[in-house]
PDB file of all heavy atoms in Angstrom:
ATOM      1  N   ARG A   1       0.869  -1.223  -0.004  1.00  0.00           N
ATOM      2  CA  ARG A   1       0.016   0.015  -0.020  1.00  0.00           C
ATOM      3  C   ARG A   1       0.861   1.236   0.009  1.00  0.00           C
ATOM      4  O   ARG A   1       0.596   2.211  -0.742  1.00  0.00           O
ATOM      5  CB  ARG A   1      -0.899  -0.029   1.223  1.00  0.00           C
ATOM      6  CG  ARG A   1      -1.967   1.082   1.223  1.00  0.00           C
ATOM      7  CD  ARG A   1      -2.936   0.915   2.400  1.00  0.00           C
ATOM      8  NE  ARG A   1      -3.844  -0.212   2.201  1.00  0.00           N
ATOM      9  CZ  ARG A   1      -3.736  -1.297   2.889  1.00  0.00           C
ATOM     10  NH1 ARG A   1      -2.836  -1.457   3.863  1.00  0.00           N
ATOM     11  NH2 ARG A   1      -4.601  -2.335   2.699  1.00  0.00           N
ATOM     12  N   ARG A   2       1.894   1.248   0.810  1.00  0.00           N
ATOM     13  CA  ARG A   2       2.839   2.390   0.859  1.00  0.00           C
ATOM     14  C   ARG A   2       3.522   2.601  -0.464  1.00  0.00           C
ATOM     15  O   ARG A   2       3.614   3.777  -0.948  1.00  0.00           O
ATOM     16  CB  ARG A   2       3.833   2.199   1.980  1.00  0.00           C
ATOM     17  CG  ARG A   2       4.734   3.423   2.182  1.00  0.00           C
ATOM     18  CD  ARG A   2       5.770   3.153   3.245  1.00  0.00           C
ATOM     19  NE  ARG A   2       5.178   2.725   4.509  1.00  0.00           N
ATOM     20  CZ  ARG A   2       5.453   1.574   5.156  1.00  0.00           C
ATOM     21  NH1 ARG A   2       6.285   0.695   4.601  1.00  0.00           N
ATOM     22  NH2 ARG A   2       4.856   1.289   6.284  1.00  0.00           N
ATOM     23  N   ALA A   3       3.994   1.589  -1.126  1.00  0.00           N
ATOM     24  CA  ALA A   3       4.688   1.687  -2.386  1.00  0.00           C
ATOM     25  C   ALA A   3       3.717   2.186  -3.489  1.00  0.00           C
ATOM     26  O   ALA A   3       4.087   3.051  -4.314  1.00  0.00           O
ATOM     27  CB  ALA A   3       5.277   0.338  -2.781  1.00  0.00           C
ATOM     28  N   ALA A   4       2.512   1.630  -3.522  1.00  0.00           N
ATOM     29  CA  ALA A   4       1.554   2.073  -4.556  1.00  0.00           C
ATOM     30  C   ALA A   4       1.188   3.488  -4.370  1.00  0.00           C
ATOM     31  O   ALA A   4       1.120   4.258  -5.342  1.00  0.00           O
ATOM     32  CB  ALA A   4       0.318   1.195  -4.443  1.00  0.00           C
ATOM     33  N   ARG A   5       0.994   3.965  -3.111  1.00  0.00           N
ATOM     34  CA  ARG A   5       0.604   5.364  -2.909  1.00  0.00           C
ATOM     35  C   ARG A   5       1.767   6.335  -3.315  1.00  0.00           C
ATOM     36  O   ARG A   5       1.524   7.385  -3.935  1.00  0.00           O
ATOM     37  CB  ARG A   5       0.261   5.589  -1.427  1.00  0.00           C
ATOM     38  CG  ARG A   5      -0.294   6.947  -1.167  1.00  0.00           C
ATOM     39  CD  ARG A   5      -0.734   7.130   0.301  1.00  0.00           C
ATOM     40  NE  ARG A   5      -2.089   6.407   0.512  1.00  0.00           N
ATOM     41  CZ  ARG A   5      -2.155   5.379   1.293  1.00  0.00           C
ATOM     42  NH1 ARG A   5      -1.132   4.835   1.916  1.00  0.00           N
ATOM     43  NH2 ARG A   5      -3.347   4.797   1.461  1.00  0.00           N
ATOM     44  N   ARG A   6       2.977   5.889  -3.081  1.00  0.00           N
ATOM     45  CA  ARG A   6       4.104   6.717  -3.485  1.00  0.00           C
ATOM     46  C   ARG A   6       4.225   6.838  -4.971  1.00  0.00           C
ATOM     47  O   ARG A   6       4.403   7.936  -5.512  1.00  0.00           O
ATOM     48  CB  ARG A   6       5.383   6.120  -2.903  1.00  0.00           C
ATOM     49  CG  ARG A   6       6.672   6.841  -3.347  1.00  0.00           C
ATOM     50  CD  ARG A   6       7.909   6.168  -2.752  1.00  0.00           C
ATOM     51  NE  ARG A   6       7.952   4.683  -2.998  1.00  0.00           N
ATOM     52  CZ  ARG A   6       8.354   4.225  -4.145  1.00  0.00           C
ATOM     53  NH1 ARG A   6       8.700   4.978  -5.176  1.00  0.00           N
ATOM     54  NH2 ARG A   6       8.448   2.931  -4.288  1.00  0.00           N
ATOM     55  N   VAL A   7       4.114   5.744  -5.672  1.00  0.00           N
ATOM     56  CA  VAL A   7       4.310   5.731  -7.175  1.00  0.00           C
ATOM     57  C   VAL A   7       3.120   6.435  -7.860  1.00  0.00           C
ATOM     58  O   VAL A   7       3.363   7.280  -8.732  1.00  0.00           O
ATOM     59  CB  VAL A   7       4.499   4.296  -7.666  1.00  0.00           C
ATOM     60  CG1 VAL A   7       4.521   4.245  -9.232  1.00  0.00           C
ATOM     61  CG2 VAL A   7       5.771   3.647  -7.111  1.00  0.00           C
ATOM     62  N   VAL A   8       1.911   6.127  -7.457  1.00  0.00           N
ATOM     63  CA  VAL A   8       0.772   6.780  -8.056  1.00  0.00           C
ATOM     64  C   VAL A   8       0.773   8.275  -7.722  1.00  0.00           C
ATOM     65  O   VAL A   8       0.403   9.138  -8.552  1.00  0.00           O
ATOM     66  CB  VAL A   8      -0.531   6.117  -7.656  1.00  0.00           C
ATOM     67  CG1 VAL A   8      -1.742   6.846  -8.122  1.00  0.00           C
ATOM     68  CG2 VAL A   8      -0.577   4.669  -8.196  1.00  0.00           C
ATOM     69  N   GLY A   9       1.174   8.558  -6.523  1.00  0.00           N
ATOM     70  CA  GLY A   9       1.266   9.974  -6.141  1.00  0.00           C
ATOM     71  C   GLY A   9       2.236  10.764  -7.029  1.00  0.00           C
ATOM     72  O   GLY A   9       1.989  11.922  -7.379  1.00  0.00           O
ATOM     73  N   ALA A  10       3.365  10.083  -7.424  1.00  0.00           N
ATOM     74  CA  ALA A  10       4.228  10.765  -8.348  1.00  0.00           C
ATOM     75  C   ALA A  10       3.600  11.057  -9.682  1.00  0.00           C
ATOM     76  O   ALA A  10       3.804  12.072 -10.307  1.00  0.00           O
ATOM     77  CB  ALA A  10       5.492   9.889  -8.509  1.00  0.00           C
ATOM     78  N   GLY A  11       2.701  10.106 -10.118  1.00  0.00           N
ATOM     79  CA  GLY A  11       2.009  10.370 -11.389  1.00  0.00           C
ATOM     80  C   GLY A  11       1.040  11.528 -11.255  1.00  0.00           C
ATOM     81  O   GLY A  11       0.930  12.339 -12.220  1.00  0.00           O
ATOM     82  N   LEU A  12       0.358  11.657 -10.161  1.00  0.00           N
ATOM     83  CA  LEU A  12      -0.490  12.802  -9.959  1.00  0.00           C
ATOM     84  C   LEU A  12       0.267  14.115  -9.865  1.00  0.00           C
ATOM     85  O   LEU A  12      -0.226  15.150 -10.341  1.00  0.00           O
ATOM     86  CB  LEU A  12      -1.333  12.598  -8.687  1.00  0.00           C
ATOM     87  CG  LEU A  12      -2.511  11.588  -8.846  1.00  0.00           C
ATOM     88  CD1 LEU A  12      -3.142  11.353  -7.447  1.00  0.00           C
ATOM     89  CD2 LEU A  12      -3.570  12.062  -9.814  1.00  0.00           C
ATOM     90  N   ARG A  13       1.509  14.048  -9.312  1.00  0.00           N
ATOM     91  CA  ARG A  13       2.262  15.282  -9.302  1.00  0.00           C
ATOM     92  C   ARG A  13       2.698  15.664 -10.761  1.00  0.00           C
ATOM     93  O   ARG A  13       2.845  16.898 -11.015  1.00  0.00           O
ATOM     94  CB  ARG A  13       3.519  15.074  -8.419  1.00  0.00           C
ATOM     95  CG  ARG A  13       3.141  15.084  -6.904  1.00  0.00           C
ATOM     96  CD  ARG A  13       4.342  15.209  -6.014  1.00  0.00           C
ATOM     97  NE  ARG A  13       5.204  14.027  -6.096  1.00  0.00           N
ATOM     98  CZ  ARG A  13       4.967  12.879  -5.397  1.00  0.00           C
ATOM     99  NH1 ARG A  13       3.941  12.803  -4.577  1.00  0.00           N
ATOM    100  NH2 ARG A  13       5.836  11.855  -5.506  1.00  0.00           N
ATOM    101  N   ARG A  14       2.874  14.730 -11.598  1.00  0.00           N
ATOM    102  CA  ARG A  14       3.071  15.023 -13.062  1.00  0.00           C
ATOM    103  C   ARG A  14       1.904  15.785 -13.610  1.00  0.00           C
ATOM    104  O   ARG A  14       2.033  16.771 -14.316  1.00  0.00           O
ATOM    105  CB  ARG A  14       3.345  13.770 -13.850  1.00  0.00           C
ATOM    106  CG  ARG A  14       4.771  13.196 -13.728  1.00  0.00           C
ATOM    107  CD  ARG A  14       4.895  11.984 -14.687  1.00  0.00           C
ATOM    108  NE  ARG A  14       4.711  12.392 -16.078  1.00  0.00           N
ATOM    109  CZ  ARG A  14       4.423  11.584 -17.054  1.00  0.00           C
ATOM    110  NH1 ARG A  14       4.189  10.259 -16.795  1.00  0.00           N
ATOM    111  NH2 ARG A  14       4.296  11.996 -18.294  1.00  0.00           N
ATOM    112  N   VAL A  15       0.703  15.331 -13.300  1.00  0.00           N
ATOM    113  CA  VAL A  15      -0.517  16.013 -13.726  1.00  0.00           C
ATOM    114  C   VAL A  15      -0.508  17.433 -13.164  1.00  0.00           C
ATOM    115  O   VAL A  15      -0.879  18.403 -13.890  1.00  0.00           O
ATOM    116  CB  VAL A  15      -1.767  15.201 -13.281  1.00  0.00           C
ATOM    117  CG1 VAL A  15      -3.030  16.048 -13.560  1.00  0.00           C
ATOM    118  CG2 VAL A  15      -1.828  13.845 -14.025  1.00  0.00           C
ATOM    119  N   ASP A  16      -0.189  17.605 -11.920  1.00  0.00           N
ATOM    120  CA  ASP A  16      -0.128  18.914 -11.265  1.00  0.00           C
ATOM    121  C   ASP A  16       0.837  19.791 -12.016  1.00  0.00           C
ATOM    122  O   ASP A  16       0.561  21.021 -12.221  1.00  0.00           O
ATOM    123  CB  ASP A  16       0.305  18.787  -9.779  1.00  0.00           C
ATOM    124  CG  ASP A  16      -0.718  18.058  -8.973  1.00  0.00           C
ATOM    125  OD1 ASP A  16      -1.904  17.963  -9.307  1.00  0.00           O
ATOM    126  OD2 ASP A  16      -0.318  17.580  -7.882  1.00  0.00           O
ATOM    127  N   ARG A  17       1.998  19.307 -12.346  1.00  0.00           N
ATOM    128  CA  ARG A  17       2.988  20.109 -13.133  1.00  0.00           C
ATOM    129  C   ARG A  17       2.475  20.560 -14.462  1.00  0.00           C
ATOM    130  O   ARG A  17       2.711  21.714 -14.885  1.00  0.00           O
ATOM    131  CB  ARG A  17       4.303  19.376 -13.272  1.00  0.00           C
ATOM    132  CG  ARG A  17       5.082  19.213 -11.934  1.00  0.00           C
ATOM    133  CD  ARG A  17       6.522  18.738 -12.201  1.00  0.00           C
ATOM    134  NE  ARG A  17       6.569  17.386 -12.736  1.00  0.00           N
ATOM    135  CZ  ARG A  17       6.621  16.308 -12.020  1.00  0.00           C
ATOM    136  NH1 ARG A  17       6.544  16.372 -10.694  1.00  0.00           N
ATOM    137  NH2 ARG A  17       6.750  15.108 -12.571  1.00  0.00           N
ATOM    138  N   ARG A  18       1.707  19.679 -15.150  1.00  0.00           N
ATOM    139  CA  ARG A  18       1.173  20.065 -16.451  1.00  0.00           C
ATOM    140  C   ARG A  18       0.082  21.148 -16.298  1.00  0.00           C
ATOM    141  O   ARG A  18      -0.021  22.080 -17.120  1.00  0.00           O
ATOM    142  CB  ARG A  18       0.605  18.859 -17.198  1.00  0.00           C
ATOM    143  CG  ARG A  18       1.564  17.724 -17.503  1.00  0.00           C
ATOM    144  CD  ARG A  18       2.932  18.183 -18.024  1.00  0.00           C
ATOM    145  NE  ARG A  18       2.884  18.982 -19.224  1.00  0.00           N
ATOM    146  CZ  ARG A  18       2.911  18.458 -20.492  1.00  0.00           C
ATOM    147  NH1 ARG A  18       2.969  17.158 -20.703  1.00  0.00           N
ATOM    148  NH2 ARG A  18       2.908  19.215 -21.534  1.00  0.00           N
ATOM    149  N   ARG A  19      -0.703  21.019 -15.234  1.00  0.00           N
ATOM    150  CA  ARG A  19      -1.675  22.114 -14.958  1.00  0.00           C
ATOM    151  C   ARG A  19      -0.981  23.457 -14.696  1.00  0.00           C
ATOM    152  O   ARG A  19      -1.413  24.485 -15.241  1.00  0.00           O
ATOM    153  CB  ARG A  19      -2.562  21.724 -13.775  1.00  0.00           C
ATOM    154  CG  ARG A  19      -3.544  22.806 -13.375  1.00  0.00           C
ATOM    155  CD  ARG A  19      -4.466  22.373 -12.282  1.00  0.00           C
ATOM    156  NE  ARG A  19      -5.434  23.410 -11.966  1.00  0.00           N
ATOM    157  CZ  ARG A  19      -6.554  23.252 -11.251  1.00  0.00           C
ATOM    158  NH1 ARG A  19      -6.873  22.013 -10.821  1.00  0.00           N
ATOM    159  NH2 ARG A  19      -7.339  24.251 -10.987  1.00  0.00           N
ATOM    160  N   ALA A  20       0.044  23.432 -13.854  1.00  0.00           N
ATOM    161  CA  ALA A  20       0.762  24.651 -13.588  1.00  0.00           C
ATOM    162  C   ALA A  20       1.420  25.203 -14.861  1.00  0.00           C
ATOM    163  O   ALA A  20       1.490  26.415 -15.041  1.00  0.00           O
ATOM    164  CB  ALA A  20       1.801  24.381 -12.533  1.00  0.00           C
ATOM    165  N   GLU A  21       1.892  24.311 -15.724  1.00  0.00           N
ATOM    166  CA  GLU A  21       2.453  24.768 -16.971  1.00  0.00           C
ATOM    167  C   GLU A  21       1.381  25.468 -17.829  1.00  0.00           C
ATOM    168  O   GLU A  21       1.706  26.534 -18.453  1.00  0.00           O
ATOM    169  CB  GLU A  21       3.000  23.521 -17.745  1.00  0.00           C
ATOM    170  CG  GLU A  21       3.714  23.810 -19.041  1.00  0.00           C
ATOM    171  CD  GLU A  21       4.212  22.521 -19.690  1.00  0.00           C
ATOM    172  OE1 GLU A  21       3.478  21.537 -19.668  1.00  0.00           O
ATOM    173  OE2 GLU A  21       5.361  22.534 -20.101  1.00  0.00           O
ATOM    174  N   ARG A  22       0.210  24.918 -17.930  1.00  0.00           N
ATOM    175  CA  ARG A  22      -0.880  25.575 -18.684  1.00  0.00           C
ATOM    176  C   ARG A  22      -1.145  26.965 -18.118  1.00  0.00           C
ATOM    177  O   ARG A  22      -1.218  27.943 -18.867  1.00  0.00           O
ATOM    178  CB  ARG A  22      -2.203  24.776 -18.617  1.00  0.00           C
ATOM    179  CG  ARG A  22      -3.342  25.398 -19.378  1.00  0.00           C
ATOM    180  CD  ARG A  22      -4.706  24.794 -19.018  1.00  0.00           C
ATOM    181  NE  ARG A  22      -4.702  23.373 -19.308  1.00  0.00           N
ATOM    182  CZ  ARG A  22      -4.852  22.474 -18.346  1.00  0.00           C
ATOM    183  NH1 ARG A  22      -4.907  22.793 -17.071  1.00  0.00           N
ATOM    184  NH2 ARG A  22      -4.892  21.216 -18.693  1.00  0.00           N
ATOM    185  N   GLU A  23      -1.275  27.053 -16.819  1.00  0.00           N
ATOM    186  CA  GLU A  23      -1.544  28.359 -16.172  1.00  0.00           C
ATOM    187  C   GLU A  23      -0.487  29.356 -16.461  1.00  0.00           C
ATOM    188  O   GLU A  23      -0.728  30.550 -16.698  1.00  0.00           O
ATOM    189  CB  GLU A  23      -1.783  28.153 -14.690  1.00  0.00           C
ATOM    190  CG  GLU A  23      -3.064  27.329 -14.393  1.00  0.00           C
ATOM    191  CD  GLU A  23      -3.118  26.844 -12.958  1.00  0.00           C
ATOM    192  OE1 GLU A  23      -2.123  27.040 -12.183  1.00  0.00           O
ATOM    193  OE2 GLU A  23      -4.145  26.319 -12.557  1.00  0.00           O
ATOM    194  N   ARG A  24       0.728  28.872 -16.485  1.00  0.00           N
ATOM    195  CA  ARG A  24       1.901  29.780 -16.772  1.00  0.00           C
ATOM    196  C   ARG A  24       1.828  30.257 -18.206  1.00  0.00           C
ATOM    197  O   ARG A  24       2.028  31.434 -18.542  1.00  0.00           O
ATOM    198  CB  ARG A  24       3.182  29.065 -16.534  1.00  0.00           C
ATOM    199  CG  ARG A  24       4.458  29.935 -16.682  1.00  0.00           C
ATOM    200  CD  ARG A  24       5.662  29.230 -16.209  1.00  0.00           C
ATOM    201  NE  ARG A  24       6.024  28.025 -17.006  1.00  0.00           N
ATOM    202  CZ  ARG A  24       5.877  26.803 -16.554  1.00  0.00           C
ATOM    203  NH1 ARG A  24       5.392  26.568 -15.335  1.00  0.00           N
ATOM    204  NH2 ARG A  24       6.158  25.738 -17.343  1.00  0.00           N
ATOM    205  N   LEU A  25       1.494  29.366 -19.170  1.00  0.00           N
ATOM    206  CA  LEU A  25       1.434  29.729 -20.580  1.00  0.00           C
ATOM    207  C   LEU A  25       0.289  30.665 -20.866  1.00  0.00           C
ATOM    208  O   LEU A  25       0.387  31.556 -21.723  1.00  0.00           O
ATOM    209  CB  LEU A  25       1.347  28.462 -21.471  1.00  0.00           C
ATOM    210  CG  LEU A  25       2.638  27.615 -21.459  1.00  0.00           C
ATOM    211  CD1 LEU A  25       2.396  26.324 -22.244  1.00  0.00           C
ATOM    212  CD2 LEU A  25       3.823  28.368 -21.973  1.00  0.00           C
ATOM    213  N   VAL A  26      -0.853  30.466 -20.207  1.00  0.00           N
ATOM    214  CA  VAL A  26      -1.995  31.358 -20.417  1.00  0.00           C
ATOM    215  C   VAL A  26      -1.612  32.772 -19.901  1.00  0.00           C
ATOM    216  O   VAL A  26      -1.981  33.761 -20.559  1.00  0.00           O
ATOM    217  CB  VAL A  26      -3.231  30.845 -19.601  1.00  0.00           C
ATOM    218  CG1 VAL A  26      -4.336  31.887 -19.610  1.00  0.00           C
ATOM    219  CG2 VAL A  26      -3.754  29.561 -20.299  1.00  0.00           C
ATOM    220  N   ARG A  27      -0.893  32.828 -18.806  1.00  0.00           N
ATOM    221  CA  ARG A  27      -0.455  34.161 -18.338  1.00  0.00           C
ATOM    222  C   ARG A  27       0.538  34.824 -19.308  1.00  0.00           C
ATOM    223  O   ARG A  27       0.464  36.018 -19.563  1.00  0.00           O
ATOM    224  CB  ARG A  27       0.234  34.034 -16.920  1.00  0.00           C
ATOM    225  CG  ARG A  27      -0.716  33.772 -15.807  1.00  0.00           C
ATOM    226  CD  ARG A  27      -0.070  34.019 -14.471  1.00  0.00           C
ATOM    227  NE  ARG A  27       1.079  33.121 -14.261  1.00  0.00           N
ATOM    228  CZ  ARG A  27       1.044  31.891 -13.687  1.00  0.00           C
ATOM    229  NH1 ARG A  27      -0.122  31.447 -13.272  1.00  0.00           N
ATOM    230  NH2 ARG A  27       2.127  31.217 -13.527  1.00  0.00           N
ATOM    231  N   ARG A  28       1.347  33.946 -19.915  1.00  0.00           N
ATOM    232  CA  ARG A  28       2.358  34.508 -20.837  1.00  0.00           C
ATOM    233  C   ARG A  28       1.718  34.955 -22.169  1.00  0.00           C
ATOM    234  O   ARG A  28       2.016  36.054 -22.688  1.00  0.00           O
ATOM    235  CB  ARG A  28       3.436  33.433 -21.089  1.00  0.00           C
ATOM    236  CG  ARG A  28       4.527  33.895 -22.067  1.00  0.00           C
ATOM    237  CD  ARG A  28       5.514  32.734 -22.390  1.00  0.00           C
ATOM    238  NE  ARG A  28       6.103  32.250 -21.170  1.00  0.00           N
ATOM    239  CZ  ARG A  28       6.819  31.084 -21.158  1.00  0.00           C
ATOM    240  NH1 ARG A  28       6.960  30.355 -22.266  1.00  0.00           N
ATOM    241  NH2 ARG A  28       7.381  30.671 -20.027  1.00  0.00           N
TER     242      ARG A  28
END
C-alpha cells in the first residue's frame, strides 16, 4: 500500500505540473 501510494502519487504530481504549466502559458 505504501509503495503504490508513493508511485501513483508521483503520477498525480506530473498532472499537477502540467496544470501549472498551462496556467503559466496562459499568463504568458
